[in-house]
Each structure stands twice: as structure tokens, then as C-alpha cells.
PDB file of N, CA and C in Angstrom:
ATOM      1  N   MET A   1      82.068-103.869  61.992  1.00  0.00           N
ATOM      2  CA  MET A   1      82.897-102.770  61.548  1.00  0.00           C
ATOM      3  C   MET A   1      82.092-101.899  60.585  1.00  0.00           C
ATOM      4  N   ALA A   2      82.136-100.620  60.743  1.00  0.00           N
ATOM      5  CA  ALA A   2      81.386 -99.693  59.917  1.00  0.00           C
ATOM      6  C   ALA A   2      81.976 -99.618  58.514  1.00  0.00           C
ATOM      7  N   GLU A   3      81.097 -99.467  57.533  1.00  0.00           N
ATOM      8  CA  GLU A   3      81.515 -99.331  56.145  1.00  0.00           C
ATOM      9  C   GLU A   3      82.163 -97.966  55.934  1.00  0.00           C
ATOM     10  N   LYS A   4      83.385 -97.941  55.402  1.00  0.00           N
ATOM     11  CA  LYS A   4      84.101 -96.689  55.195  1.00  0.00           C
ATOM     12  C   LYS A   4      83.894 -96.123  53.789  1.00  0.00           C
ATOM     13  N   ARG A   5      83.428 -96.942  52.875  1.00  0.00           N
ATOM     14  CA  ARG A   5      83.272 -96.503  51.498  1.00  0.00           C
ATOM     15  C   ARG A   5      82.061 -95.593  51.360  1.00  0.00           C
ATOM     16  N   ASP A   6      82.229 -94.521  50.619  1.00  0.00           N
ATOM     17  CA  ASP A   6      81.107 -93.632  50.369  1.00  0.00           C
ATOM     18  C   ASP A   6      80.736 -93.591  48.894  1.00  0.00           C
ATOM     19  N   LYS A   7      81.427 -94.334  48.059  1.00  0.00           N
ATOM     20  CA  LYS A   7      81.146 -94.382  46.627  1.00  0.00           C
ATOM     21  C   LYS A   7      80.712 -95.790  46.240  1.00  0.00           C
ATOM     22  N   ALA A   8      79.817 -95.862  45.258  1.00  0.00           N
ATOM     23  CA  ALA A   8      79.335 -97.157  44.776  1.00  0.00           C
ATOM     24  C   ALA A   8      80.462 -97.902  44.072  1.00  0.00           C
ATOM     25  N   ARG A   9      80.582 -99.155  44.405  1.00  0.00           N
ATOM     26  CA  ARG A   9      81.567-100.016  43.763  1.00  0.00           C
ATOM     27  C   ARG A   9      80.841-100.929  42.784  1.00  0.00           C
ATOM     28  N   HIS A  10      81.489-101.215  41.678  1.00  0.00           N
ATOM     29  CA  HIS A  10      80.915-102.074  40.649  1.00  0.00           C
ATOM     30  C   HIS A  10      81.830-103.270  40.464  1.00  0.00           C
ATOM     31  N   ARG A  11      81.279-104.465  40.583  1.00  0.00           N
ATOM     32  CA  ARG A  11      82.077-105.665  40.372  1.00  0.00           C
ATOM     33  C   ARG A  11      82.424-105.771  38.895  1.00  0.00           C
ATOM     34  N   LYS A  12      83.717-105.776  38.614  1.00  0.00           N
ATOM     35  CA  LYS A  12      84.180-105.861  37.231  1.00  0.00           C
ATOM     36  C   LYS A  12      85.599-106.392  37.228  1.00  0.00           C
ATOM     37  N   ARG A  13      85.818-107.421  36.442  1.00  0.00           N
ATOM     38  CA  ARG A  13      87.152-108.015  36.319  1.00  0.00           C
ATOM     39  C   ARG A  13      87.816-107.450  35.066  1.00  0.00           C
ATOM     40  N   LEU A  14      88.859-106.671  35.292  1.00  0.00           N
ATOM     41  CA  LEU A  14      89.639-106.081  34.215  1.00  0.00           C
ATOM     42  C   LEU A  14      91.117-106.364  34.467  1.00  0.00           C
ATOM     43  N   LYS A  15      91.848-106.596  33.406  1.00  0.00           N
ATOM     44  CA  LYS A  15      93.286-106.849  33.529  1.00  0.00           C
ATOM     45  C   LYS A  15      93.994-105.527  33.821  1.00  0.00           C
ATOM     46  N   VAL A  16      94.902-105.553  34.787  1.00  0.00           N
ATOM     47  CA  VAL A  16      95.707-104.376  35.113  1.00  0.00           C
ATOM     48  C   VAL A  16      97.183-104.755  35.194  1.00  0.00           C
ATOM     49  N   ARG A  17      98.011-103.793  34.866  1.00  0.00           N
ATOM     50  CA  ARG A  17      99.450-103.884  35.107  1.00  0.00           C
ATOM     51  C   ARG A  17      99.735-102.777  36.097  1.00  0.00           C
ATOM     52  N   TYR A  18     100.493-103.080  37.133  1.00  0.00           N
ATOM     53  CA  TYR A  18     100.735-102.094  38.185  1.00  0.00           C
ATOM     54  C   TYR A  18     102.155-102.227  38.706  1.00  0.00           C
ATOM     55  N   GLY A  19     102.640-101.174  39.306  1.00  0.00           N
ATOM     56  CA  GLY A  19     103.980-101.168  39.896  1.00  0.00           C
ATOM     57  C   GLY A  19     104.635 -99.831  39.652  1.00  0.00           C
ATOM     58  N   ASP A  20     105.971 -99.859  39.495  1.00  0.00           N
ATOM     59  CA  ASP A  20     106.654 -98.639  39.106  1.00  0.00           C
ATOM     60  C   ASP A  20     106.929 -98.738  37.607  1.00  0.00           C
ATOM     61  N   LYS A  21     107.464 -97.712  37.037  1.00  0.00           N
ATOM     62  CA  LYS A  21     107.616 -97.675  35.578  1.00  0.00           C
ATOM     63  C   LYS A  21     108.544 -98.755  35.038  1.00  0.00           C
ATOM     64  N   ASP A  22     109.474 -99.229  35.853  1.00  0.00           N
ATOM     65  CA  ASP A  22     110.448-100.213  35.398  1.00  0.00           C
ATOM     66  C   ASP A  22     110.038-101.660  35.654  1.00  0.00           C
ATOM     67  N   HIS A  23     109.163-101.881  36.605  1.00  0.00           N
ATOM     68  CA  HIS A  23     108.802-103.244  36.992  1.00  0.00           C
ATOM     69  C   HIS A  23     107.299-103.328  37.230  1.00  0.00           C
ATOM     70  N   MET A  24     106.592-103.940  36.299  1.00  0.00           N
ATOM     71  CA  MET A  24     105.135-104.019  36.386  1.00  0.00           C
ATOM     72  C   MET A  24     104.693-105.457  36.680  1.00  0.00           C
ATOM     73  N   GLN A  25     103.698-105.580  37.536  1.00  0.00           N
ATOM     74  CA  GLN A  25     103.075-106.858  37.861  1.00  0.00           C
ATOM     75  C   GLN A  25     101.714-106.922  37.164  1.00  0.00           C
ATOM     76  N   ILE A  26     101.155-108.108  37.032  1.00  0.00           N
ATOM     77  CA  ILE A  26      99.833-108.263  36.436  1.00  0.00           C
ATOM     78  C   ILE A  26      98.846-108.674  37.520  1.00  0.00           C
ATOM     79  N   GLY A  27      97.682-108.077  37.491  1.00  0.00           N
ATOM     80  CA  GLY A  27      96.600-108.409  38.414  1.00  0.00           C
ATOM     81  C   GLY A  27      95.267-108.176  37.727  1.00  0.00           C
ATOM     82  N   PHE A  28      94.198-108.308  38.485  1.00  0.00           N
ATOM     83  CA  PHE A  28      92.855-108.096  37.953  1.00  0.00           C
ATOM     84  C   PHE A  28      92.044-107.309  38.965  1.00  0.00           C
ATOM     85  N   THR A  29      91.192-106.424  38.453  1.00  0.00           N
ATOM     86  CA  THR A  29      90.308-105.713  39.363  1.00  0.00           C
ATOM     87  C   THR A  29      89.224-106.678  39.824  1.00  0.00           C
ATOM     88  N   GLU A  30      88.745-106.458  41.016  1.00  0.00           N
ATOM     89  CA  GLU A  30      87.585-107.189  41.498  1.00  0.00           C
ATOM     90  C   GLU A  30      86.387-106.255  41.524  1.00  0.00           C
ATOM     91  N   ASP A  31      86.650-105.000  41.871  1.00  0.00           N
ATOM     92  CA  ASP A  31      85.629-103.970  41.778  1.00  0.00           C
ATOM     93  C   ASP A  31      86.290-102.640  41.472  1.00  0.00           C
ATOM     94  N   VAL A  32      85.492-101.733  40.878  1.00  0.00           N
ATOM     95  CA  VAL A  32      85.984-100.399  40.533  1.00  0.00           C
ATOM     96  C   VAL A  32      84.941 -99.364  40.921  1.00  0.00           C
ATOM     97  N   SER A  33      85.388 -98.148  41.169  1.00  0.00           N
ATOM     98  CA  SER A  33      84.494 -97.019  41.423  1.00  0.00           C
ATOM     99  C   SER A  33      85.089 -95.801  40.729  1.00  0.00           C
ATOM    100  N   ASP A  34      84.385 -94.681  40.803  1.00  0.00           N
ATOM    101  CA  ASP A  34      84.881 -93.447  40.200  1.00  0.00           C
ATOM    102  C   ASP A  34      86.218 -93.024  40.788  1.00  0.00           C
ATOM    103  N   GLU A  35      86.481 -93.402  42.025  1.00  0.00           N
ATOM    104  CA  GLU A  35      87.672 -92.921  42.722  1.00  0.00           C
ATOM    105  C   GLU A  35      88.712 -93.978  43.040  1.00  0.00           C
ATOM    106  N   GLY A  36      88.432 -95.253  42.750  1.00  0.00           N
ATOM    107  CA  GLY A  36      89.415 -96.265  43.092  1.00  0.00           C
ATOM    108  C   GLY A  36      89.047 -97.649  42.608  1.00  0.00           C
ATOM    109  N   MET A  37      89.802 -98.626  43.087  1.00  0.00           N
ATOM    110  CA  MET A  37      89.589-100.017  42.672  1.00  0.00           C
ATOM    111  C   MET A  37      90.241-100.970  43.669  1.00  0.00           C
ATOM    112  N   PHE A  38      89.776-102.215  43.631  1.00  0.00           N
ATOM    113  CA  PHE A  38      90.440-103.288  44.373  1.00  0.00           C
ATOM    114  C   PHE A  38      91.156-104.141  43.351  1.00  0.00           C
ATOM    115  N   ILE A  39      92.458-104.281  43.504  1.00  0.00           N
ATOM    116  CA  ILE A  39      93.262-105.124  42.618  1.00  0.00           C
ATOM    117  C   ILE A  39      93.550-106.423  43.341  1.00  0.00           C
ATOM    118  N   ARG A  40      93.073-107.508  42.771  1.00  0.00           N
ATOM    119  CA  ARG A  40      93.301-108.828  43.353  1.00  0.00           C
ATOM    120  C   ARG A  40      94.645-109.349  42.861  1.00  0.00           C
ATOM    121  N   THR A  41      95.532-109.600  43.815  1.00  0.00           N
ATOM    122  CA  THR A  41      96.880-110.055  43.482  1.00  0.00           C
ATOM    123  C   THR A  41      97.553-110.628  44.727  1.00  0.00           C
ATOM    124  N   ALA A  42      98.517-111.495  44.516  1.00  0.00           N
ATOM    125  CA  ALA A  42      99.319-112.002  45.628  1.00  0.00           C
ATOM    126  C   ALA A  42     100.539-111.111  45.860  1.00  0.00           C
ATOM    127  N   MET A  43     100.843-110.254  44.889  1.00  0.00           N
ATOM    128  CA  MET A  43     102.019-109.386  44.961  1.00  0.00           C
ATOM    129  C   MET A  43     101.580-107.966  45.324  1.00  0.00           C
ATOM    130  N   THR A  44     101.276-107.748  46.582  1.00  0.00           N
ATOM    131  CA  THR A  44     100.775-106.450  47.030  1.00  0.00           C
ATOM    132  C   THR A  44     101.914-105.476  47.334  1.00  0.00           C
ATOM    133  N   LYS A  45     101.562-104.225  47.386  1.00  0.00           N
ATOM    134  CA  LYS A  45     102.482-103.158  47.798  1.00  0.00           C
ATOM    135  C   LYS A  45     101.992-102.625  49.137  1.00  0.00           C
ATOM    136  N   PRO A  46     102.845-102.051  49.949  1.00  0.00           N
ATOM    137  CA  PRO A  46     102.423-101.553  51.262  1.00  0.00           C
ATOM    138  C   PRO A  46     101.533-100.308  51.148  1.00  0.00           C
ATOM    139  N   PRO A  47     100.681-100.076  52.159  1.00  0.00           N
ATOM    140  CA  PRO A  47      99.859 -98.863  52.174  1.00  0.00           C
ATOM    141  C   PRO A  47     100.720 -97.603  52.029  1.00  0.00           C
ATOM    142  N   ARG A  48     100.151 -96.611  51.394  1.00  0.00           N
ATOM    143  CA  ARG A  48     100.775 -95.320  51.096  1.00  0.00           C
ATOM    144  C   ARG A  48     101.759 -95.387  49.923  1.00  0.00           C
ATOM    145  N   SER A  49     101.909 -96.552  49.300  1.00  0.00           N
ATOM    146  CA  SER A  49     102.754 -96.652  48.112  1.00  0.00           C
ATOM    147  C   SER A  49     102.033 -96.015  46.928  1.00  0.00           C
ATOM    148  N   THR A  50     102.796 -95.412  46.048  1.00  0.00           N
ATOM    149  CA  THR A  50     102.236 -94.863  44.817  1.00  0.00           C
ATOM    150  C   THR A  50     102.502 -95.850  43.693  1.00  0.00           C
ATOM    151  N   LEU A  51     101.458 -96.117  42.899  1.00  0.00           N
ATOM    152  CA  LEU A  51     101.557 -97.081  41.814  1.00  0.00           C
ATOM    153  C   LEU A  51     101.264 -96.437  40.475  1.00  0.00           C
ATOM    154  N   CYS A  52     101.926 -96.904  39.439  1.00  0.00           N
ATOM    155  CA  CYS A  52     101.538 -96.630  38.058  1.00  0.00           C
ATOM    156  C   CYS A  52     100.637 -97.799  37.664  1.00  0.00           C
ATOM    157  N   ILE A  53      99.496 -97.512  37.090  1.00  0.00           N
ATOM    158  CA  ILE A  53      98.525 -98.558  36.747  1.00  0.00           C
ATOM    159  C   ILE A  53      98.111 -98.399  35.296  1.00  0.00           C
ATOM    160  N   GLU A  54      98.114 -99.498  34.568  1.00  0.00           N
ATOM    161  CA  GLU A  54      97.568 -99.557  33.220  1.00  0.00           C
ATOM    162  C   GLU A  54      96.398-100.521  33.269  1.00  0.00           C
ATOM    163  N   LEU A  55      95.222-100.001  32.995  1.00  0.00           N
ATOM    164  CA  LEU A  55      93.991-100.772  33.071  1.00  0.00           C
ATOM    165  C   LEU A  55      93.455-100.970  31.662  1.00  0.00           C
ATOM    166  N   GLU A  56      93.108-102.192  31.312  1.00  0.00           N
ATOM    167  CA  GLU A  56      92.572-102.484  29.991  1.00  0.00           C
ATOM    168  C   GLU A  56      91.052-102.596  30.101  1.00  0.00           C
ATOM    169  N   THR A  57      90.318-101.696  29.434  1.00  0.00           N
ATOM    170  CA  THR A  57      88.855-101.695  29.525  1.00  0.00           C
ATOM    171  C   THR A  57      88.256-102.826  28.706  1.00  0.00           C
ATOM    172  N   SER A  58      86.952-103.000  28.833  1.00  0.00           N
ATOM    173  CA  SER A  58      86.227-104.041  28.098  1.00  0.00           C
ATOM    174  C   SER A  58      86.317-103.838  26.591  1.00  0.00           C
ATOM    175  N   THR A  59      86.526-102.597  26.157  1.00  0.00           N
ATOM    176  CA  THR A  59      86.619-102.283  24.732  1.00  0.00           C
ATOM    177  C   THR A  59      88.072-102.224  24.263  1.00  0.00           C
ATOM    178  N   ASN A  60      88.973-102.806  25.039  1.00  0.00           N
ATOM    179  CA  ASN A  60      90.405-102.901  24.732  1.00  0.00           C
ATOM    180  C   ASN A  60      91.119-101.551  24.667  1.00  0.00           C
ATOM    181  N   GLU A  61      90.583-100.548  25.346  1.00  0.00           N
ATOM    182  CA  GLU A  61      91.278 -99.275  25.471  1.00  0.00           C
ATOM    183  C   GLU A  61      92.144 -99.347  26.717  1.00  0.00           C
ATOM    184  N   VAL A  62      93.298 -98.694  26.681  1.00  0.00           N
ATOM    185  CA  VAL A  62      94.214 -98.710  27.819  1.00  0.00           C
ATOM    186  C   VAL A  62      94.120 -97.376  28.555  1.00  0.00           C
ATOM    187  N   VAL A  63      93.913 -97.469  29.853  1.00  0.00           N
ATOM    188  CA  VAL A  63      93.846 -96.296  30.721  1.00  0.00           C
ATOM    189  C   VAL A  63      95.101 -96.309  31.580  1.00  0.00           C
ATOM    190  N   SER A  64      95.873 -95.236  31.536  1.00  0.00           N
ATOM    191  CA  SER A  64      97.072 -95.110  32.367  1.00  0.00           C
ATOM    192  C   SER A  64      96.778 -94.118  33.475  1.00  0.00           C
ATOM    193  N   LEU A  65      97.062 -94.519  34.701  1.00  0.00           N
ATOM    194  CA  LEU A  65      96.792 -93.650  35.838  1.00  0.00           C
ATOM    195  C   LEU A  65      97.765 -93.930  36.956  1.00  0.00           C
ATOM    196  N   SER A  66      97.756 -93.050  37.933  1.00  0.00           N
ATOM    197  CA  SER A  66      98.540 -93.306  39.139  1.00  0.00           C
ATOM    198  C   SER A  66      97.562 -93.379  40.305  1.00  0.00           C
ATOM    199  N   GLY A  67      97.939 -94.140  41.298  1.00  0.00           N
ATOM    200  CA  GLY A  67      97.077 -94.321  42.456  1.00  0.00           C
ATOM    201  C   GLY A  67      97.895 -94.573  43.704  1.00  0.00           C
ATOM    202  N   ARG A  68      97.216 -94.459  44.823  1.00  0.00           N
ATOM    203  CA  ARG A  68      97.869 -94.664  46.117  1.00  0.00           C
ATOM    204  C   ARG A  68      97.213 -95.850  46.813  1.00  0.00           C
ATOM    205  N   VAL A  69      98.029 -96.762  47.301  1.00  0.00           N
ATOM    206  CA  VAL A  69      97.516 -97.931  48.023  1.00  0.00           C
ATOM    207  C   VAL A  69      96.951 -97.463  49.365  1.00  0.00           C
ATOM    208  N   GLN A  70      95.689 -97.739  49.598  1.00  0.00           N
ATOM    209  CA  GLN A  70      95.036 -97.371  50.845  1.00  0.00           C
ATOM    210  C   GLN A  70      95.187 -98.486  51.887  1.00  0.00           C
ATOM    211  N   TRP A  71      95.101 -99.723  51.419  1.00  0.00           N
ATOM    212  CA  TRP A  71      95.263-100.877  52.302  1.00  0.00           C
ATOM    213  C   TRP A  71      95.677-102.057  51.442  1.00  0.00           C
ATOM    214  N   SER A  72      96.279-103.043  52.074  1.00  0.00           N
ATOM    215  CA  SER A  72      96.659-104.247  51.338  1.00  0.00           C
ATOM    216  C   SER A  72      96.570-105.462  52.248  1.00  0.00           C
ATOM    217  N   LYS A  73      96.307-106.587  51.634  1.00  0.00           N
ATOM    218  CA  LYS A  73      96.241-107.861  52.346  1.00  0.00           C
ATOM    219  C   LYS A  73      97.073-108.859  51.556  1.00  0.00           C
ATOM    220  N   ARG A  74      98.216-109.200  52.097  1.00  0.00           N
ATOM    221  CA  ARG A  74      99.130-110.132  51.440  1.00  0.00           C
ATOM    222  C   ARG A  74      98.802-111.560  51.867  1.00  0.00           C
ATOM    223  N   ILE A  75      98.762-112.435  50.878  1.00  0.00           N
ATOM    224  CA  ILE A  75      98.548-113.850  51.149  1.00  0.00           C
ATOM    225  C   ILE A  75      99.618-114.645  50.405  1.00  0.00           C
ATOM    226  N   PRO A  76      99.912-115.845  50.867  1.00  0.00           N
ATOM    227  CA  PRO A  76     100.899-116.651  50.146  1.00  0.00           C
ATOM    228  C   PRO A  76     100.388-116.992  48.745  1.00  0.00           C
ATOM    229  N   PRO A  77     101.255-116.943  47.728  1.00  0.00           N
ATOM    230  CA  PRO A  77     100.822-117.260  46.357  1.00  0.00           C
ATOM    231  C   PRO A  77     100.140-118.622  46.239  1.00  0.00           C
ATOM    232  N   SER A  78     100.541-119.573  47.069  1.00  0.00           N
ATOM    233  CA  SER A  78      99.932-120.900  47.006  1.00  0.00           C
ATOM    234  C   SER A  78      98.485-120.906  47.501  1.00  0.00           C
ATOM    235  N   MET A  79      98.066-119.849  48.202  1.00  0.00           N
ATOM    236  CA  MET A  79      96.692-119.772  48.717  1.00  0.00           C
ATOM    237  C   MET A  79      95.827-118.796  47.920  1.00  0.00           C
ATOM    238  N   ALA A  80      96.369-118.233  46.833  1.00  0.00           N
ATOM    239  CA  ALA A  80      95.657-117.204  46.061  1.00  0.00           C
ATOM    240  C   ALA A  80      94.328-117.695  45.510  1.00  0.00           C
ATOM    241  N   HIS A  81      94.216-118.980  45.222  1.00  0.00           N
ATOM    242  CA  HIS A  81      92.963-119.506  44.684  1.00  0.00           C
ATOM    243  C   HIS A  81      91.900-119.682  45.763  1.00  0.00           C
ATOM    244  N   LYS A  82      92.284-119.667  47.038  1.00  0.00           N
ATOM    245  CA  LYS A  82      91.343-119.870  48.140  1.00  0.00           C
ATOM    246  C   LYS A  82      91.032-118.601  48.922  1.00  0.00           C
ATOM    247  N   LEU A  83      92.013-117.724  49.080  1.00  0.00           N
ATOM    248  CA  LEU A  83      91.845-116.523  49.888  1.00  0.00           C
ATOM    249  C   LEU A  83      91.861-115.268  49.028  1.00  0.00           C
ATOM    250  N   LYS A  84      91.188-114.233  49.513  1.00  0.00           N
ATOM    251  CA  LYS A  84      91.108-112.972  48.782  1.00  0.00           C
ATOM    252  C   LYS A  84      92.234-112.047  49.244  1.00  0.00           C
ATOM    253  N   GLY A  85      93.251-111.915  48.412  1.00  0.00           N
ATOM    254  CA  GLY A  85      94.353-111.021  48.719  1.00  0.00           C
ATOM    255  C   GLY A  85      94.453-109.948  47.658  1.00  0.00           C
ATOM    256  N   GLY A  86      94.962-108.813  48.050  1.00  0.00           N
ATOM    257  CA  GLY A  86      95.116-107.735  47.089  1.00  0.00           C
ATOM    258  C   GLY A  86      95.237-106.410  47.791  1.00  0.00           C
ATOM    259  N   MET A  87      94.848-105.340  47.076  1.00  0.00           N
ATOM    260  CA  MET A  87      94.981-104.010  47.653  1.00  0.00           C
ATOM    261  C   MET A  87      93.927-103.061  47.113  1.00  0.00           C
ATOM    262  N   GLY A  88      93.507-102.180  47.989  1.00  0.00           N
ATOM    263  CA  GLY A  88      92.590-101.125  47.621  1.00  0.00           C
ATOM    264  C   GLY A  88      93.399 -99.909  47.208  1.00  0.00           C
ATOM    265  N   VAL A  89      93.098 -99.366  46.043  1.00  0.00           N
ATOM    266  CA  VAL A  89      93.869 -98.254  45.481  1.00  0.00           C
ATOM    267  C   VAL A  89      92.946 -97.075  45.205  1.00  0.00           C
ATOM    268  N   LYS A  90      93.354 -95.910  45.641  1.00  0.00           N
ATOM    269  CA  LYS A  90      92.631 -94.674  45.357  1.00  0.00           C
ATOM    270  C   LYS A  90      93.310 -93.984  44.179  1.00  0.00           C
ATOM    271  N   ILE A  91      92.526 -93.611  43.160  1.00  0.00           N
ATOM    272  CA  ILE A  91      93.070 -92.966  41.964  1.00  0.00           C
ATOM    273  C   ILE A  91      93.543 -91.560  42.315  1.00  0.00           C
ATOM    274  N   SER A  92      94.782 -91.254  41.913  1.00  0.00           N
ATOM    275  CA  SER A  92      95.354 -89.926  42.140  1.00  0.00           C
ATOM    276  C   SER A  92      95.254 -89.053  40.902  1.00  0.00           C
ATOM    277  N   ASP A  93      95.655 -89.623  39.751  1.00  0.00           N
ATOM    278  CA  ASP A  93      95.762 -88.820  38.542  1.00  0.00           C
ATOM    279  C   ASP A  93      95.712 -89.723  37.319  1.00  0.00           C
ATOM    280  N   PHE A  94      95.172 -89.205  36.219  1.00  0.00           N
ATOM    281  CA  PHE A  94      95.145 -89.938  34.953  1.00  0.00           C
ATOM    282  C   PHE A  94      96.244 -89.412  34.048  1.00  0.00           C
ATOM    283  N   ALA A  95      97.033 -90.304  33.475  1.00  0.00           N
ATOM    284  CA  ALA A  95      98.043 -89.923  32.493  1.00  0.00           C
ATOM    285  C   ALA A  95      97.420 -89.927  31.099  1.00  0.00           C
ATOM    286  N   SER A  96      96.554 -90.918  30.840  1.00  0.00           N
ATOM    287  CA  SER A  96      95.824 -90.996  29.571  1.00  0.00           C
ATOM    288  C   SER A  96      94.630 -91.919  29.750  1.00  0.00           C
ATOM    289  N   GLY A  97      93.636 -91.738  28.892  1.00  0.00           N
ATOM    290  CA  GLY A  97      92.481 -92.631  28.899  1.00  0.00           C
ATOM    291  C   GLY A  97      91.408 -92.305  29.916  1.00  0.00           C
ATOM    292  N   GLU A  98      91.428 -91.102  30.479  1.00  0.00           N
ATOM    293  CA  GLU A  98      90.409 -90.767  31.486  1.00  0.00           C
ATOM    294  C   GLU A  98      89.007 -90.845  30.898  1.00  0.00           C
ATOM    295  N   GLU A  99      88.842 -90.398  29.661  1.00  0.00           N
ATOM    296  CA  GLU A  99      87.518 -90.440  29.022  1.00  0.00           C
ATOM    297  C   GLU A  99      87.024 -91.883  28.890  1.00  0.00           C
ATOM    298  N   ALA A 100      87.899 -92.807  28.505  1.00  0.00           N
ATOM    299  CA  ALA A 100      87.529 -94.219  28.390  1.00  0.00           C
ATOM    300  C   ALA A 100      87.126 -94.787  29.747  1.00  0.00           C
ATOM    301  N   PHE A 101      87.836 -94.380  30.800  1.00  0.00           N
ATOM    302  CA  PHE A 101      87.504 -94.847  32.149  1.00  0.00           C
ATOM    303  C   PHE A 101      86.136 -94.318  32.569  1.00  0.00           C
ATOM    304  N   ARG A 102      85.875 -93.045  32.305  1.00  0.00           N
ATOM    305  CA  ARG A 102      84.582 -92.441  32.664  1.00  0.00           C
ATOM    306  C   ARG A 102      83.435 -93.091  31.888  1.00  0.00           C
ATOM    307  N   LYS A 103      83.667 -93.440  30.618  1.00  0.00           N
ATOM    308  CA  LYS A 103      82.647 -94.153  29.826  1.00  0.00           C
ATOM    309  C   LYS A 103      82.359 -95.516  30.444  1.00  0.00           C
ATOM    310  N   LEU A 104      83.417 -96.208  30.854  1.00  0.00           N
ATOM    311  CA  LEU A 104      83.246 -97.509  31.500  1.00  0.00           C
ATOM    312  C   LEU A 104      82.417 -97.375  32.772  1.00  0.00           C
ATOM    313  N   MET A 105      82.707 -96.359  33.575  1.00  0.00           N
ATOM    314  CA  MET A 105      81.967 -96.160  34.822  1.00  0.00           C
ATOM    315  C   MET A 105      80.501 -95.845  34.546  1.00  0.00           C
ATOM    316  N   GLU A 106      80.220 -95.054  33.534  1.00  0.00           N
ATOM    317  CA  GLU A 106      78.829 -94.749  33.170  1.00  0.00           C
ATOM    318  C   GLU A 106      78.107 -96.016  32.741  1.00  0.00           C
ATOM    319  N   PHE A 107      78.783 -96.844  31.945  1.00  0.00           N
ATOM    320  CA  PHE A 107      78.189 -98.104  31.503  1.00  0.00           C
ATOM    321  C   PHE A 107      77.872 -99.011  32.692  1.00  0.00           C
ATOM    322  N   LEU A 108      78.797 -99.115  33.625  1.00  0.00           N
ATOM    323  CA  LEU A 108      78.579 -99.954  34.802  1.00  0.00           C
ATOM    324  C   LEU A 108      77.435 -99.427  35.671  1.00  0.00           C
ATOM    325  N   LYS A 109      77.296 -98.119  35.770  1.00  0.00           N
ATOM    326  CA  LYS A 109      76.201 -97.528  36.535  1.00  0.00           C
ATOM    327  C   LYS A 109      74.855 -97.817  35.879  1.00  0.00           C
ATOM    328  N   GLU A 110      74.816 -97.767  34.552  1.00  0.00           N
ATOM    329  CA  GLU A 110      73.575 -98.013  33.821  1.00  0.00           C
ATOM    330  C   GLU A 110      73.135 -99.467  33.890  1.00  0.00           C
ATOM    331  N   THR A 111      74.085-100.384  33.953  1.00  0.00           N
ATOM    332  CA  THR A 111      73.747-101.811  33.952  1.00  0.00           C
ATOM    333  C   THR A 111      73.541-102.384  35.338  1.00  0.00           C
ATOM    334  N   ARG A 112      73.544-101.544  36.321  1.00  0.00           N
ATOM    335  CA  ARG A 112      73.368-101.985  37.707  1.00  0.00           C
ATOM    336  C   ARG A 112      71.995-102.485  37.980  1.00  0.00           C
TER     337      ARG A 112
END
């Protein structure tokens, strides 16, 4: 299968809260890029869903953004430790913390 990604991804585990404004789930990033991220979780949302995401950077800054689920792979919670489940999310808009996110991306690019 041909690679569809055109942006460099950086492996980074960051805590995220995602969902709608009233009901947030907790997950972790597996990789991030300038335009999106993979959130590893057993509680996925269907493709084309819009998510509110709060991402906690390595320096404990909180980045609030919205994103659209591009794809998802749901696995049973009992298999989460063995199988890779989650969803790929494309960033739509930043509510706050865009500068902190851009600093994080620059740092990850430099340490590659």
C-alpha cells in the first residue's frame, strides 16, 4: 500500500483529552506532525467526526485545538495492550496554545 502521508511524523507520547466539550476521553499521542496526530485509544470516534482536543506538551503547556478524524481503528479494550488501536486526526483550528505547539514541533524536528 502506498504511503499517503506527505508530512514528517515525530514519535512523541503526550497526554491528550479529546471528545466533545461535555464528554472528554483520555488518550496519548503516538506520533505528531505539523498538521495532525495519531491518538492511541480504545475509545475511537468514527471518521469525519470533529473533536475538541486538549494536548499537554512536554513543558506542561496546554494546547486546545479542534481536529477531524481521518481514520480510526477500534479494538476491544481488553486487547489494547497487544494491538494498536486509535485514530488519525487532522488539525483544523487552534483555540489556544498554537505557539506552544509550534515550539514543540520545532524541538522535535531539531532532535531528529
